[in-house]
Amino acid sequence: MKIKFLFGIALGLVTVLPGCEKDNFEPPASTLSGQVSFQGQPIGVRSGAVQLEIWQSGYQLFSKIPVYINQDGKFSAALFDGDYKLTRLKGNGPWVDNTDTINVQVRGATTVDVPVQPYFVIKSQTLTKSGSAVTASVKIDKIVPTAAIQRVSFYIGTNQFVDANIKEGFDDKSGTAVADLSQNITLSITPAATVAAKGYVFGRVGVAIVGVPEMVYGPVQKIQL
């Protein structure tokens, strides 16, 4: 009986101790944040579609930490203090591939700028109400001489996340209508009655590039109807 009793205590310790260790685990307390940018300006993307990868150096087994870029070009990740490698994924953004590693030392709140070379940038974007319609006027600059525009699109919706996949109205222009980038390109949408009933919409313009899976976007703006 005594032997059985001692065995029970030992077994209880084995089962309880791992649980105690798990309960005492401290979550990451530091943050790495920043933006993907060109000439100091953030590059707008489709929310949750474009990502960076963070790798921690100094370990035999590397495991990546995916970090998704917000629609305004910014990102943030909770990390432990340490030395990390930040990489841009090949073919995962509206910019020229650059797989060079950015070394980052995280100590508390750390910020880093991730430079990219977009094929095009939306230099200016003006969204206005015009009668029962909403209108976008944009100036687009070509950054990579060999790049070609597939289409320019204006998207609207009733929440602040707006892109080619999240929309409640859109207008497209392509071909000769977007060939002359020395002029502003104008697009117009008449919101559906159910959308107009909200009294406002959020909108932004996106540029689709030939041979590139992701579009480059302007900022999301709110338009009062």
Protein backbone atom coordinates (compact mmCIF):
# COMPACT_ATOMS: atom_id res chain seq x y z
CA MET A 1 0.00 0.00 0.00
CA LYS A 2 2.83 2.40 0.88
CA ILE A 3 4.54 1.71 -2.44
CA LYS A 4 1.31 2.34 -4.34
CA PHE A 5 0.78 5.61 -2.46
CA LEU A 6 4.28 6.93 -3.25
CA PHE A 7 3.85 5.93 -6.92
CA GLY A 8 0.63 7.95 -7.05
CA ILE A 9 2.37 11.05 -5.68
CA ALA A 10 5.19 10.70 -8.24
CA LEU A 11 2.73 10.29 -11.08
CA GLY A 12 0.82 13.35 -9.92
CA LEU A 13 4.00 15.43 -9.96
CA VAL A 14 4.80 14.32 -13.50
CA THR A 15 1.37 15.33 -14.75
CA VAL A 16 1.16 18.65 -12.88
CA LEU A 17 4.63 20.10 -13.49
CA PRO A 18 4.33 20.50 -17.28
CA GLY A 19 1.04 22.30 -16.76
CA CYS A 20 2.64 24.70 -14.30
CA GLU A 21 5.44 25.42 -16.75
CA LYS A 22 2.91 26.12 -19.50
CA ASP A 23 0.88 28.44 -17.29
CA ASN A 24 4.04 30.46 -16.47
CA PHE A 25 4.95 31.00 -20.16
CA GLU A 26 5.45 34.68 -20.90
CA PRO A 27 4.07 35.96 -24.23
CA PRO A 28 6.18 38.26 -26.44
CA ALA A 29 6.39 41.74 -24.94
CA SER A 30 8.17 43.60 -27.74
CA THR A 31 6.87 44.83 -31.10
CA LEU A 32 8.37 45.20 -34.53
CA SER A 33 6.41 47.63 -36.67
CA GLY A 34 6.95 49.64 -39.80
CA GLN A 35 5.82 50.14 -43.37
CA VAL A 36 6.66 49.15 -46.91
CA SER A 37 7.51 52.36 -48.69
CA PHE A 38 8.87 54.06 -51.77
CA GLN A 39 10.75 57.33 -51.32
CA GLY A 40 9.45 57.49 -47.77
CA GLN A 41 5.78 57.09 -48.72
CA PRO A 42 3.79 53.96 -47.76
CA ILE A 43 2.54 51.72 -50.56
CA GLY A 44 -1.13 50.68 -50.34
CA VAL A 45 -1.99 47.03 -50.92
CA ARG A 46 -4.89 44.60 -50.59
CA SER A 47 -5.54 43.93 -46.91
CA GLY A 48 -4.31 40.55 -45.67
CA ALA A 49 -2.90 39.52 -49.07
CA VAL A 50 0.70 40.70 -49.06
CA GLN A 51 3.13 39.54 -46.43
CA LEU A 52 6.66 39.71 -45.13
CA GLU A 53 8.53 36.93 -43.36
CA ILE A 54 10.47 37.21 -40.12
CA TRP A 55 13.11 34.65 -39.23
CA GLN A 56 15.01 34.49 -35.95
CA SER A 57 18.73 33.88 -36.27
CA GLY A 58 20.84 31.87 -33.85
CA TYR A 59 18.75 28.68 -33.92
CA GLN A 60 19.47 25.41 -35.73
CA LEU A 61 15.84 25.06 -36.76
CA PHE A 62 14.47 28.18 -38.43
CA SER A 63 10.74 28.78 -38.44
CA LYS A 64 9.19 31.69 -40.25
CA ILE A 65 6.78 34.19 -38.74
CA PRO A 66 4.46 35.52 -41.46
CA VAL A 67 3.52 39.18 -41.07
CA TYR A 68 0.66 40.50 -43.19
CA ILE A 69 0.80 44.07 -44.45
CA ASN A 70 -2.20 46.28 -43.74
CA GLN A 71 -3.97 48.04 -46.60
CA ASP A 72 -2.14 51.28 -45.74
CA GLY A 73 1.25 49.60 -46.18
CA LYS A 74 1.96 49.26 -42.46
CA PHE A 75 2.63 46.13 -40.41
CA SER A 76 3.23 45.06 -36.81
CA ALA A 77 4.31 41.87 -35.03
CA ALA A 78 4.68 40.88 -31.37
CA LEU A 79 8.12 39.36 -30.79
CA PHE A 80 10.60 38.48 -28.08
CA ASP A 81 13.73 40.59 -27.86
CA GLY A 82 16.34 39.20 -30.22
CA ASP A 83 17.99 39.38 -33.62
CA TYR A 84 15.77 38.74 -36.63
CA LYS A 85 15.92 38.60 -40.39
CA LEU A 86 13.11 40.30 -42.30
CA THR A 87 12.52 39.24 -45.92
CA ARG A 88 10.24 40.29 -48.77
CA LEU A 89 8.58 37.37 -50.53
CA LYS A 90 9.19 36.86 -54.22
CA GLY A 91 6.13 37.62 -56.35
CA ASN A 92 4.06 38.77 -53.38
CA GLY A 93 3.52 42.46 -53.94
CA PRO A 94 2.99 45.17 -56.58
CA TRP A 95 6.72 45.86 -56.68
CA VAL A 96 9.94 44.54 -58.19
CA ASP A 97 11.19 41.40 -56.46
CA ASN A 98 13.86 42.02 -53.86
CA THR A 99 14.73 39.10 -51.62
CA ASP A 100 17.60 40.85 -49.82
CA THR A 101 17.49 40.26 -46.07
CA ILE A 102 16.97 43.12 -43.65
CA ASN A 103 18.66 42.45 -40.31
CA VAL A 104 16.65 43.78 -37.38
CA GLN A 105 17.57 43.90 -33.69
CA VAL A 106 14.38 43.95 -31.63
CA ARG A 107 14.64 45.55 -28.20
CA GLY A 108 11.25 46.70 -26.93
CA ALA A 109 9.29 48.78 -29.44
CA THR A 110 11.28 48.67 -32.69
CA THR A 111 10.44 50.24 -36.05
CA VAL A 112 11.83 49.45 -39.48
CA ASP A 113 11.21 50.83 -42.95
CA VAL A 114 11.01 48.23 -45.73
CA PRO A 115 11.88 49.89 -49.05
CA VAL A 116 10.30 48.58 -52.25
CA GLN A 117 10.29 49.63 -55.90
CA PRO A 118 6.67 49.64 -57.11
CA TYR A 119 5.91 49.35 -60.81
CA PHE A 120 3.50 52.29 -60.51
CA VAL A 121 2.52 54.68 -57.74
CA ILE A 122 -0.67 56.64 -57.26
CA LYS A 123 0.78 60.12 -56.98
CA SER A 124 -2.48 61.79 -56.00
CA GLN A 125 -6.05 60.61 -55.43
CA THR A 126 -9.09 62.87 -55.05
CA LEU A 127 -12.52 61.38 -54.26
CA THR A 128 -15.59 63.59 -54.40
CA LYS A 129 -19.39 63.45 -54.54
CA SER A 130 -20.81 64.57 -57.89
CA GLY A 131 -24.60 64.57 -57.97
CA SER A 132 -25.72 61.02 -57.20
CA ALA A 133 -22.30 59.63 -58.14
CA VAL A 134 -18.89 59.50 -56.49
CA THR A 135 -15.90 60.37 -58.62
CA ALA A 136 -12.22 59.55 -58.38
CA SER A 137 -9.48 61.55 -60.06
CA VAL A 138 -5.97 60.08 -59.87
CA LYS A 139 -2.50 60.88 -61.12
CA ILE A 140 -0.41 57.76 -61.73
CA ASP A 141 3.36 57.70 -62.14
CA LYS A 142 5.24 54.88 -63.86
CA ILE A 143 8.32 53.87 -61.87
CA VAL A 144 9.52 50.85 -63.86
CA PRO A 145 9.81 51.81 -67.56
CA THR A 146 8.95 48.32 -68.85
CA ALA A 147 5.78 47.97 -66.74
CA ALA A 148 2.32 48.13 -68.31
CA ILE A 149 -1.08 48.91 -66.81
CA GLN A 150 -3.76 46.28 -67.18
CA ARG A 151 -6.51 48.48 -65.74
CA VAL A 152 -7.24 51.27 -63.29
CA SER A 153 -10.16 50.62 -60.93
CA PHE A 154 -12.18 52.67 -58.47
CA TYR A 155 -13.75 50.69 -55.62
CA ILE A 156 -16.30 51.75 -53.00
CA GLY A 157 -17.83 50.05 -49.97
CA THR A 158 -19.55 50.76 -46.68
CA ASN A 159 -16.64 49.76 -44.45
CA GLN A 160 -13.07 50.96 -44.31
CA PHE A 161 -11.66 47.83 -45.93
CA VAL A 162 -11.99 48.30 -49.68
CA ASP A 163 -10.21 46.56 -52.54
CA ALA A 164 -10.79 44.35 -55.59
CA ASN A 165 -12.23 41.59 -53.38
CA ILE A 166 -14.09 43.74 -50.83
CA LYS A 167 -16.33 46.17 -52.67
CA GLU A 168 -19.93 47.26 -53.20
CA GLY A 169 -19.39 49.13 -56.43
CA PHE A 170 -16.60 49.69 -58.94
CA ASP A 171 -15.58 51.33 -62.19
CA ASP A 172 -12.75 50.20 -64.47
CA LYS A 173 -10.75 51.81 -67.23
CA SER A 174 -8.20 50.10 -69.46
CA GLY A 175 -6.50 50.28 -72.84
CA THR A 176 -6.28 53.72 -74.43
CA ALA A 177 -8.22 55.25 -71.52
CA VAL A 178 -5.19 54.73 -69.26
CA ALA A 179 -2.43 55.08 -71.83
CA ASP A 180 -1.63 58.75 -71.22
CA LEU A 181 -0.31 59.06 -67.68
CA SER A 182 0.49 62.74 -68.11
CA GLN A 183 -3.22 63.38 -67.50
CA ASN A 184 -5.38 62.58 -64.50
CA ILE A 185 -7.61 59.52 -64.90
CA THR A 186 -11.23 59.96 -63.83
CA LEU A 187 -13.60 57.18 -62.76
CA SER A 188 -17.19 57.40 -61.53
CA ILE A 189 -19.62 55.16 -59.63
CA THR A 190 -23.30 55.61 -58.83
CA PRO A 191 -23.77 53.73 -55.54
CA ALA A 192 -26.65 51.26 -55.24
CA ALA A 193 -29.62 52.53 -53.21
CA THR A 194 -28.77 50.24 -50.28
CA VAL A 195 -25.23 51.65 -50.22
CA ALA A 196 -26.31 55.28 -50.64
CA ALA A 197 -28.73 54.88 -47.73
CA LYS A 198 -25.72 54.75 -45.39
CA GLY A 199 -24.99 58.39 -46.18
CA TYR A 200 -21.33 57.71 -46.89
CA VAL A 201 -18.96 55.35 -48.66
CA PHE A 202 -15.29 54.48 -48.40
CA GLY A 203 -13.32 54.45 -51.63
CA ARG A 204 -9.89 53.95 -53.12
CA VAL A 205 -8.27 53.49 -56.51
CA GLY A 206 -6.18 50.49 -57.51
CA VAL A 207 -3.84 49.89 -60.43
CA ALA A 208 -3.53 46.38 -61.89
CA ILE A 209 -0.19 45.70 -63.57
CA VAL A 210 0.29 43.26 -66.44
CA GLY A 211 1.91 40.05 -65.16
CA VAL A 212 1.74 41.09 -61.48
CA PRO A 213 -0.80 39.31 -59.19
CA GLU A 214 -1.31 42.15 -56.70
CA MET A 215 -2.52 45.70 -57.36
CA VAL A 216 -1.07 48.89 -55.95
CA TYR A 217 -3.66 51.07 -54.20
CA GLY A 218 -4.22 54.62 -53.09
CA PRO A 219 -5.36 55.45 -49.56
CA VAL A 220 -8.87 54.64 -48.33
CA GLN A 221 -10.97 57.79 -48.09
CA LYS A 222 -14.44 58.44 -46.68
CA ILE A 223 -16.93 60.29 -48.92
CA GLN A 224 -20.12 61.83 -47.53
CA LEU A 225 -23.09 61.32 -49.85
